[in-house]
mmCIF file of all heavy atoms, coordinates in Angstrom:
data_MODEL
# 
_entry.id   MODEL 
# 
loop_
_atom_site.group_PDB 
_atom_site.id 
_atom_site.type_symbol 
_atom_site.label_atom_id 
_atom_site.label_alt_id 
_atom_site.label_comp_id 
_atom_site.label_asym_id 
_atom_site.label_entity_id 
_atom_site.label_seq_id 
_atom_site.pdbx_PDB_ins_code 
_atom_site.Cartn_x 
_atom_site.Cartn_y 
_atom_site.Cartn_z 
_atom_site.occupancy 
_atom_site.B_iso_or_equiv 
_atom_site.pdbx_formal_charge 
_atom_site.auth_seq_id 
_atom_site.auth_comp_id 
_atom_site.auth_asym_id 
_atom_site.auth_atom_id 
_atom_site.pdbx_PDB_model_num 
ATOM 1   N N   . ASN A 1 1  ? 105.175 -4.904  48.964 1.00 0.00 ? 1  ASN A N   1 
ATOM 2   C CA  . ASN A 1 1  ? 105.626 -3.961  47.937 1.00 0.00 ? 1  ASN A CA  1 
ATOM 3   C C   . ASN A 1 1  ? 105.597 -2.508  48.389 1.00 0.00 ? 1  ASN A C   1 
ATOM 4   O O   . ASN A 1 1  ? 105.907 -1.616  47.621 1.00 0.00 ? 1  ASN A O   1 
ATOM 5   C CB  . ASN A 1 1  ? 104.776 -4.124  46.667 1.00 0.00 ? 1  ASN A CB  1 
ATOM 6   C CG  . ASN A 1 1  ? 103.289 -3.942  46.954 1.00 0.00 ? 1  ASN A CG  1 
ATOM 7   O OD1 . ASN A 1 1  ? 102.906 -3.161  47.813 1.00 0.00 ? 1  ASN A OD1 1 
ATOM 8   N ND2 . ASN A 1 1  ? 102.462 -4.690  46.231 1.00 0.00 ? 1  ASN A ND2 1 
ATOM 9   N N   . GLY A 1 2  ? 105.192 -2.264  49.654 1.00 0.00 ? 2  GLY A N   1 
ATOM 10  C CA  . GLY A 1 2  ? 105.258 -0.908  50.178 1.00 0.00 ? 2  GLY A CA  1 
ATOM 11  C C   . GLY A 1 2  ? 104.147 -0.002  49.735 1.00 0.00 ? 2  GLY A C   1 
ATOM 12  O O   . GLY A 1 2  ? 104.126 1.176   50.069 1.00 0.00 ? 2  GLY A O   1 
ATOM 13  N N   . ASN A 1 3  ? 103.198 -0.472  48.956 1.00 0.00 ? 3  ASN A N   1 
ATOM 14  C CA  . ASN A 1 3  ? 102.092 0.352   48.485 1.00 0.00 ? 3  ASN A CA  1 
ATOM 15  C C   . ASN A 1 3  ? 100.963 0.373   49.490 1.00 0.00 ? 3  ASN A C   1 
ATOM 16  O O   . ASN A 1 3  ? 100.801 -0.545  50.292 1.00 0.00 ? 3  ASN A O   1 
ATOM 17  C CB  . ASN A 1 3  ? 101.565 -0.185  47.151 1.00 0.00 ? 3  ASN A CB  1 
ATOM 18  C CG  . ASN A 1 3  ? 102.616 -0.121  46.060 1.00 0.00 ? 3  ASN A CG  1 
ATOM 19  O OD1 . ASN A 1 3  ? 103.401 0.811   46.009 1.00 0.00 ? 3  ASN A OD1 1 
ATOM 20  N ND2 . ASN A 1 3  ? 102.624 -1.141  45.201 1.00 0.00 ? 3  ASN A ND2 1 
ATOM 21  N N   . VAL A 1 4  ? 100.165 1.424   49.416 1.00 0.00 ? 4  VAL A N   1 
ATOM 22  C CA  . VAL A 1 4  ? 98.959  1.439   50.230 1.00 0.00 ? 4  VAL A CA  1 
ATOM 23  C C   . VAL A 1 4  ? 98.057  0.319   49.753 1.00 0.00 ? 4  VAL A C   1 
ATOM 24  O O   . VAL A 1 4  ? 97.788  0.189   48.567 1.00 0.00 ? 4  VAL A O   1 
ATOM 25  C CB  . VAL A 1 4  ? 98.243  2.796   50.137 1.00 0.00 ? 4  VAL A CB  1 
ATOM 26  C CG1 . VAL A 1 4  ? 96.921  2.743   50.864 1.00 0.00 ? 4  VAL A CG1 1 
ATOM 27  C CG2 . VAL A 1 4  ? 99.135  3.900   50.715 1.00 0.00 ? 4  VAL A CG2 1 
ATOM 28  N N   . GLY A 1 5  ? 97.588  -0.499  50.676 1.00 0.00 ? 5  GLY A N   1 
ATOM 29  C CA  . GLY A 1 5  ? 96.847  -1.681  50.286 1.00 0.00 ? 5  GLY A CA  1 
ATOM 30  C C   . GLY A 1 5  ? 95.441  -1.683  50.826 1.00 0.00 ? 5  GLY A C   1 
ATOM 31  O O   . GLY A 1 5  ? 94.988  -0.741  51.468 1.00 0.00 ? 5  GLY A O   1 
ATOM 32  N N   . CYS A 1 6  ? 94.744  -2.759  50.559 1.00 0.00 ? 6  CYS A N   1 
ATOM 33  C CA  . CYS A 1 6  ? 93.370  -2.908  50.997 1.00 0.00 ? 6  CYS A CA  1 
ATOM 34  C C   . CYS A 1 6  ? 93.325  -3.634  52.333 1.00 0.00 ? 6  CYS A C   1 
ATOM 35  O O   . CYS A 1 6  ? 93.971  -4.651  52.509 1.00 0.00 ? 6  CYS A O   1 
ATOM 36  C CB  . CYS A 1 6  ? 92.565  -3.707  49.968 1.00 0.00 ? 6  CYS A CB  1 
ATOM 37  S SG  . CYS A 1 6  ? 92.350  -2.829  48.412 1.00 0.00 ? 6  CYS A SG  1 
ATOM 38  N N   . ARG A 1 7  ? 92.554  -3.106  53.231 1.00 0.00 ? 7  ARG A N   1 
ATOM 39  C CA  . ARG A 1 7  ? 92.323  -3.783  54.494 1.00 0.00 ? 7  ARG A CA  1 
ATOM 40  C C   . ARG A 1 7  ? 90.836  -3.765  54.751 1.00 0.00 ? 7  ARG A C   1 
ATOM 41  O O   . ARG A 1 7  ? 90.193  -2.726  54.595 1.00 0.00 ? 7  ARG A O   1 
ATOM 42  C CB  . ARG A 1 7  ? 93.073  -3.071  55.608 1.00 0.00 ? 7  ARG A CB  1 
ATOM 43  C CG  . ARG A 1 7  ? 92.862  -3.719  56.972 1.00 0.00 ? 7  ARG A CG  1 
ATOM 44  C CD  . ARG A 1 7  ? 93.911  -3.233  57.933 1.00 0.00 ? 7  ARG A CD  1 
ATOM 45  N NE  . ARG A 1 7  ? 93.565  -3.590  59.286 1.00 0.00 ? 7  ARG A NE  1 
ATOM 46  C CZ  . ARG A 1 7  ? 94.089  -3.015  60.350 1.00 0.00 ? 7  ARG A CZ  1 
ATOM 47  N NH1 . ARG A 1 7  ? 94.980  -2.057  60.190 1.00 0.00 ? 7  ARG A NH1 1 
ATOM 48  N NH2 . ARG A 1 7  ? 93.742  -3.386  61.553 1.00 0.00 ? 7  ARG A NH2 1 
ATOM 49  N N   . PRO A 1 8  ? 90.259  -4.881  55.150 1.00 0.00 ? 8  PRO A N   1 
ATOM 50  C CA  . PRO A 1 8  ? 88.819  -4.932  55.319 1.00 0.00 ? 8  PRO A CA  1 
ATOM 51  C C   . PRO A 1 8  ? 88.341  -4.015  56.426 1.00 0.00 ? 8  PRO A C   1 
ATOM 52  O O   . PRO A 1 8  ? 88.993  -3.862  57.450 1.00 0.00 ? 8  PRO A O   1 
ATOM 53  C CB  . PRO A 1 8  ? 88.564  -6.401  55.672 1.00 0.00 ? 8  PRO A CB  1 
ATOM 54  C CG  . PRO A 1 8  ? 89.865  -6.888  56.216 1.00 0.00 ? 8  PRO A CG  1 
ATOM 55  C CD  . PRO A 1 8  ? 90.911  -6.146  55.478 1.00 0.00 ? 8  PRO A CD  1 
ATOM 56  N N   . THR A 1 9  ? 87.210  -3.385  56.198 1.00 0.00 ? 9  THR A N   1 
ATOM 57  C CA  . THR A 1 9  ? 86.603  -2.567  57.231 1.00 0.00 ? 9  THR A CA  1 
ATOM 58  C C   . THR A 1 9  ? 85.184  -3.032  57.454 1.00 0.00 ? 9  THR A C   1 
ATOM 59  O O   . THR A 1 9  ? 84.565  -3.647  56.604 1.00 0.00 ? 9  THR A O   1 
ATOM 60  C CB  . THR A 1 9  ? 86.582  -1.082  56.814 1.00 0.00 ? 9  THR A CB  1 
ATOM 61  O OG1 . THR A 1 9  ? 85.779  -0.947  55.647 1.00 0.00 ? 9  THR A OG1 1 
ATOM 62  C CG2 . THR A 1 9  ? 87.977  -0.571  56.533 1.00 0.00 ? 9  THR A CG2 1 
ATOM 63  N N   . VAL A 1 10 ? 84.673  -2.740  58.649 1.00 0.00 ? 10 VAL A N   1 
ATOM 64  C CA  . VAL A 1 10 ? 83.309  -3.115  58.974 1.00 0.00 ? 10 VAL A CA  1 
ATOM 65  C C   . VAL A 1 10 ? 82.457  -1.848  58.997 1.00 0.00 ? 10 VAL A C   1 
ATOM 66  O O   . VAL A 1 10 ? 82.942  -0.763  59.291 1.00 0.00 ? 10 VAL A O   1 
ATOM 67  C CB  . VAL A 1 10 ? 83.253  -3.851  60.331 1.00 0.00 ? 10 VAL A CB  1 
ATOM 68  C CG1 . VAL A 1 10 ? 83.594  -2.911  61.464 1.00 0.00 ? 10 VAL A CG1 1 
ATOM 69  C CG2 . VAL A 1 10 ? 81.880  -4.472  60.560 1.00 0.00 ? 10 VAL A CG2 1 
ATOM 70  N N   . GLY A 1 11 ? 81.196  -1.996  58.681 1.00 0.00 ? 11 GLY A N   1 
ATOM 71  C CA  . GLY A 1 11 ? 80.284  -0.882  58.770 1.00 0.00 ? 11 GLY A CA  1 
ATOM 72  C C   . GLY A 1 11 ? 80.206  -0.043  57.507 1.00 0.00 ? 11 GLY A C   1 
ATOM 73  O O   . GLY A 1 11 ? 79.650  1.037   57.518 1.00 0.00 ? 11 GLY A O   1 
ATOM 74  N N   . VAL A 1 12 ? 80.812  -0.513  56.407 1.00 0.00 ? 12 VAL A N   1 
ATOM 75  C CA  . VAL A 1 12 ? 80.750  0.265   55.168 1.00 0.00 ? 12 VAL A CA  1 
ATOM 76  C C   . VAL A 1 12 ? 80.126  -0.565  54.059 1.00 0.00 ? 12 VAL A C   1 
ATOM 77  O O   . VAL A 1 12 ? 80.367  -0.322  52.890 1.00 0.00 ? 12 VAL A O   1 
ATOM 78  C CB  . VAL A 1 12 ? 82.163  0.742   54.753 1.00 0.00 ? 12 VAL A CB  1 
ATOM 79  C CG1 . VAL A 1 12 ? 82.693  1.753   55.743 1.00 0.00 ? 12 VAL A CG1 1 
ATOM 80  C CG2 . VAL A 1 12 ? 83.129  -0.424  54.627 1.00 0.00 ? 12 VAL A CG2 1 
ATOM 81  N N   . GLY A 1 13 ? 79.338  -1.552  54.410 1.00 0.00 ? 13 GLY A N   1 
ATOM 82  C CA  . GLY A 1 13 ? 78.646  -2.343  53.409 1.00 0.00 ? 13 GLY A CA  1 
ATOM 83  C C   . GLY A 1 13 ? 79.494  -3.397  52.758 1.00 0.00 ? 13 GLY A C   1 
ATOM 84  O O   . GLY A 1 13 ? 79.151  -3.891  51.687 1.00 0.00 ? 13 GLY A O   1 
ATOM 85  N N   . VAL A 1 14 ? 80.647  -3.721  53.362 1.00 0.00 ? 14 VAL A N   1 
ATOM 86  C CA  . VAL A 1 14 ? 81.530  -4.724  52.796 1.00 0.00 ? 14 VAL A CA  1 
ATOM 87  C C   . VAL A 1 14 ? 81.287  -6.054  53.502 1.00 0.00 ? 14 VAL A C   1 
ATOM 88  O O   . VAL A 1 14 ? 81.511  -6.170  54.692 1.00 0.00 ? 14 VAL A O   1 
ATOM 89  C CB  . VAL A 1 14 ? 83.013  -4.319  52.966 1.00 0.00 ? 14 VAL A CB  1 
ATOM 90  C CG1 . VAL A 1 14 ? 83.924  -5.373  52.345 1.00 0.00 ? 14 VAL A CG1 1 
ATOM 91  C CG2 . VAL A 1 14 ? 83.246  -2.962  52.334 1.00 0.00 ? 14 VAL A CG2 1 
ATOM 92  N N   . PRO A 1 15 ? 80.798  -7.079  52.792 1.00 0.00 ? 15 PRO A N   1 
ATOM 93  C CA  . PRO A 1 15 ? 80.584  -8.369  53.449 1.00 0.00 ? 15 PRO A CA  1 
ATOM 94  C C   . PRO A 1 15 ? 81.928  -8.988  53.847 1.00 0.00 ? 15 PRO A C   1 
ATOM 95  O O   . PRO A 1 15 ? 82.875  -8.986  53.071 1.00 0.00 ? 15 PRO A O   1 
ATOM 96  C CB  . PRO A 1 15 ? 79.887  -9.213  52.374 1.00 0.00 ? 15 PRO A CB  1 
ATOM 97  C CG  . PRO A 1 15 ? 80.279  -8.586  51.082 1.00 0.00 ? 15 PRO A CG  1 
ATOM 98  C CD  . PRO A 1 15 ? 80.430  -7.114  51.371 1.00 0.00 ? 15 PRO A CD  1 
ATOM 99  N N   . MET A 1 16 ? 81.999  -9.475  55.064 1.00 0.00 ? 16 MET A N   1 
ATOM 100 C CA  . MET A 1 16 ? 83.251  -10.017 55.565 1.00 0.00 ? 16 MET A CA  1 
ATOM 101 C C   . MET A 1 16 ? 82.939  -11.190 56.496 1.00 0.00 ? 16 MET A C   1 
ATOM 102 O O   . MET A 1 16 ? 82.373  -10.996 57.576 1.00 0.00 ? 16 MET A O   1 
ATOM 103 C CB  . MET A 1 16 ? 84.023  -8.941  56.330 1.00 0.00 ? 16 MET A CB  1 
ATOM 104 C CG  . MET A 1 16 ? 85.407  -9.367  56.770 1.00 0.00 ? 16 MET A CG  1 
ATOM 105 S SD  . MET A 1 16 ? 86.491  -9.747  55.390 1.00 0.00 ? 16 MET A SD  1 
ATOM 106 C CE  . MET A 1 16 ? 86.475  -8.175  54.527 1.00 0.00 ? 16 MET A CE  1 
ATOM 107 N N   . ASN A 1 17 ? 83.292  -12.385 56.076 1.00 0.00 ? 17 ASN A N   1 
ATOM 108 C CA  . ASN A 1 17 ? 83.021  -13.585 56.853 1.00 0.00 ? 17 ASN A CA  1 
ATOM 109 C C   . ASN A 1 17 ? 84.327  -14.194 57.348 1.00 0.00 ? 17 ASN A C   1 
ATOM 110 O O   . ASN A 1 17 ? 85.268  -14.367 56.574 1.00 0.00 ? 17 ASN A O   1 
ATOM 111 C CB  . ASN A 1 17 ? 82.266  -14.619 56.011 1.00 0.00 ? 17 ASN A CB  1 
ATOM 112 C CG  . ASN A 1 17 ? 80.841  -14.174 55.714 1.00 0.00 ? 17 ASN A CG  1 
ATOM 113 O OD1 . ASN A 1 17 ? 80.400  -13.112 56.153 1.00 0.00 ? 17 ASN A OD1 1 
ATOM 114 N ND2 . ASN A 1 17 ? 80.123  -14.991 54.974 1.00 0.00 ? 17 ASN A ND2 1 
ATOM 115 N N   . VAL A 1 18 ? 84.379  -14.521 58.631 1.00 0.00 ? 18 VAL A N   1 
ATOM 116 C CA  . VAL A 1 18 ? 85.580  -15.042 59.271 1.00 0.00 ? 18 VAL A CA  1 
ATOM 117 C C   . VAL A 1 18 ? 85.256  -16.361 59.951 1.00 0.00 ? 18 VAL A C   1 
ATOM 118 O O   . VAL A 1 18 ? 84.306  -16.445 60.743 1.00 0.00 ? 18 VAL A O   1 
ATOM 119 C CB  . VAL A 1 18 ? 86.138  -14.046 60.307 1.00 0.00 ? 18 VAL A CB  1 
ATOM 120 C CG1 . VAL A 1 18 ? 87.359  -14.631 61.011 1.00 0.00 ? 18 VAL A CG1 1 
ATOM 121 C CG2 . VAL A 1 18 ? 86.480  -12.712 59.653 1.00 0.00 ? 18 VAL A CG2 1 
ATOM 122 N N   . ALA A 1 19 ? 86.055  -17.393 59.656 1.00 0.00 ? 19 ALA A N   1 
ATOM 123 C CA  . ALA A 1 19 ? 85.911  -18.700 60.297 1.00 0.00 ? 19 ALA A CA  1 
ATOM 124 C C   . ALA A 1 19 ? 87.176  -19.001 61.095 1.00 0.00 ? 19 ALA A C   1 
ATOM 125 O O   . ALA A 1 19 ? 88.296  -18.856 60.583 1.00 0.00 ? 19 ALA A O   1 
ATOM 126 C CB  . ALA A 1 19 ? 85.670  -19.799 59.263 1.00 0.00 ? 19 ALA A CB  1 
ATOM 127 N N   . LEU A 1 20 ? 87.001  -19.404 62.337 1.00 0.00 ? 20 LEU A N   1 
ATOM 128 C CA  . LEU A 1 20 ? 88.094  -19.777 63.231 1.00 0.00 ? 20 LEU A CA  1 
ATOM 129 C C   . LEU A 1 20 ? 87.911  -21.243 63.584 1.00 0.00 ? 20 LEU A C   1 
ATOM 130 O O   . LEU A 1 20 ? 86.942  -21.609 64.247 1.00 0.00 ? 20 LEU A O   1 
ATOM 131 C CB  . LEU A 1 20 ? 88.051  -18.904 64.483 1.00 0.00 ? 20 LEU A CB  1 
ATOM 132 C CG  . LEU A 1 20 ? 89.109  -19.143 65.556 1.00 0.00 ? 20 LEU A CG  1 
ATOM 133 C CD1 . LEU A 1 20 ? 90.507  -18.847 65.022 1.00 0.00 ? 20 LEU A CD1 1 
ATOM 134 C CD2 . LEU A 1 20 ? 88.816  -18.292 66.792 1.00 0.00 ? 20 LEU A CD2 1 
ATOM 135 N N   . VAL A 1 21 ? 88.838  -22.095 63.141 1.00 0.00 ? 21 VAL A N   1 
ATOM 136 C CA  . VAL A 1 21 ? 88.693  -23.544 63.287 1.00 0.00 ? 21 VAL A CA  1 
ATOM 137 C C   . VAL A 1 21 ? 89.834  -24.091 64.138 1.00 0.00 ? 21 VAL A C   1 
ATOM 138 O O   . VAL A 1 21 ? 91.011  -23.937 63.779 1.00 0.00 ? 21 VAL A O   1 
ATOM 139 C CB  . VAL A 1 21 ? 88.688  -24.249 61.920 1.00 0.00 ? 21 VAL A CB  1 
ATOM 140 C CG1 . VAL A 1 21 ? 88.493  -25.756 62.102 1.00 0.00 ? 21 VAL A CG1 1 
ATOM 141 C CG2 . VAL A 1 21 ? 87.598  -23.670 61.026 1.00 0.00 ? 21 VAL A CG2 1 
ATOM 142 N N   . VAL A 1 22 ? 89.486  -24.716 65.250 1.00 0.00 ? 22 VAL A N   1 
ATOM 143 C CA  . VAL A 1 22 ? 90.467  -25.347 66.130 1.00 0.00 ? 22 VAL A CA  1 
ATOM 144 C C   . VAL A 1 22 ? 90.450  -26.845 65.890 1.00 0.00 ? 22 VAL A C   1 
ATOM 145 O O   . VAL A 1 22 ? 89.421  -27.503 66.087 1.00 0.00 ? 22 VAL A O   1 
ATOM 146 C CB  . VAL A 1 22 ? 90.166  -25.032 67.602 1.00 0.00 ? 22 VAL A CB  1 
ATOM 147 C CG1 . VAL A 1 22 ? 91.092  -25.842 68.521 1.00 0.00 ? 22 VAL A CG1 1 
ATOM 148 C CG2 . VAL A 1 22 ? 90.323  -23.537 67.883 1.00 0.00 ? 22 VAL A CG2 1 
ATOM 149 N N   . LEU A 1 23 ? 91.581  -27.383 65.467 1.00 0.00 ? 23 LEU A N   1 
ATOM 150 C CA  . LEU A 1 23 ? 91.765  -28.824 65.323 1.00 0.00 ? 23 LEU A CA  1 
ATOM 151 C C   . LEU A 1 23 ? 92.390  -29.312 66.625 1.00 0.00 ? 23 LEU A C   1 
ATOM 152 O O   . LEU A 1 23 ? 93.607  -29.355 66.779 1.00 0.00 ? 23 LEU A O   1 
ATOM 153 C CB  . LEU A 1 23 ? 92.647  -29.141 64.110 1.00 0.00 ? 23 LEU A CB  1 
ATOM 154 C CG  . LEU A 1 23 ? 92.176  -28.517 62.789 1.00 0.00 ? 23 LEU A CG  1 
ATOM 155 C CD1 . LEU A 1 23 ? 93.130  -28.879 61.665 1.00 0.00 ? 23 LEU A CD1 1 
ATOM 156 C CD2 . LEU A 1 23 ? 90.753  -28.960 62.454 1.00 0.00 ? 23 LEU A CD2 1 
ATOM 157 N N   . ASP A 1 24 ? 91.546  -29.648 67.559 1.00 0.00 ? 24 ASP A N   1 
ATOM 158 C CA  . ASP A 1 24 ? 91.948  -29.905 68.933 1.00 0.00 ? 24 ASP A CA  1 
ATOM 159 C C   . ASP A 1 24 ? 93.013  -31.000 69.006 1.00 0.00 ? 24 ASP A C   1 
ATOM 160 O O   . ASP A 1 24 ? 92.903  -32.044 68.364 1.00 0.00 ? 24 ASP A O   1 
ATOM 161 C CB  . ASP A 1 24 ? 90.710  -30.318 69.747 1.00 0.00 ? 24 ASP A CB  1 
ATOM 162 C CG  . ASP A 1 24 ? 90.827  -29.982 71.207 1.00 0.00 ? 24 ASP A CG  1 
ATOM 163 O OD1 . ASP A 1 24 ? 91.654  -30.610 71.878 1.00 0.00 ? 24 ASP A OD1 1 
ATOM 164 O OD2 . ASP A 1 24 ? 90.092  -29.097 71.674 1.00 0.00 ? 24 ASP A OD2 1 
# 
């Protein structure tokens, strides 16, 4: 929609969990 949006940042107290799963 062209609006300024939210992008996660680190180091500002925002919990952010990332899972990377390889289905071999």
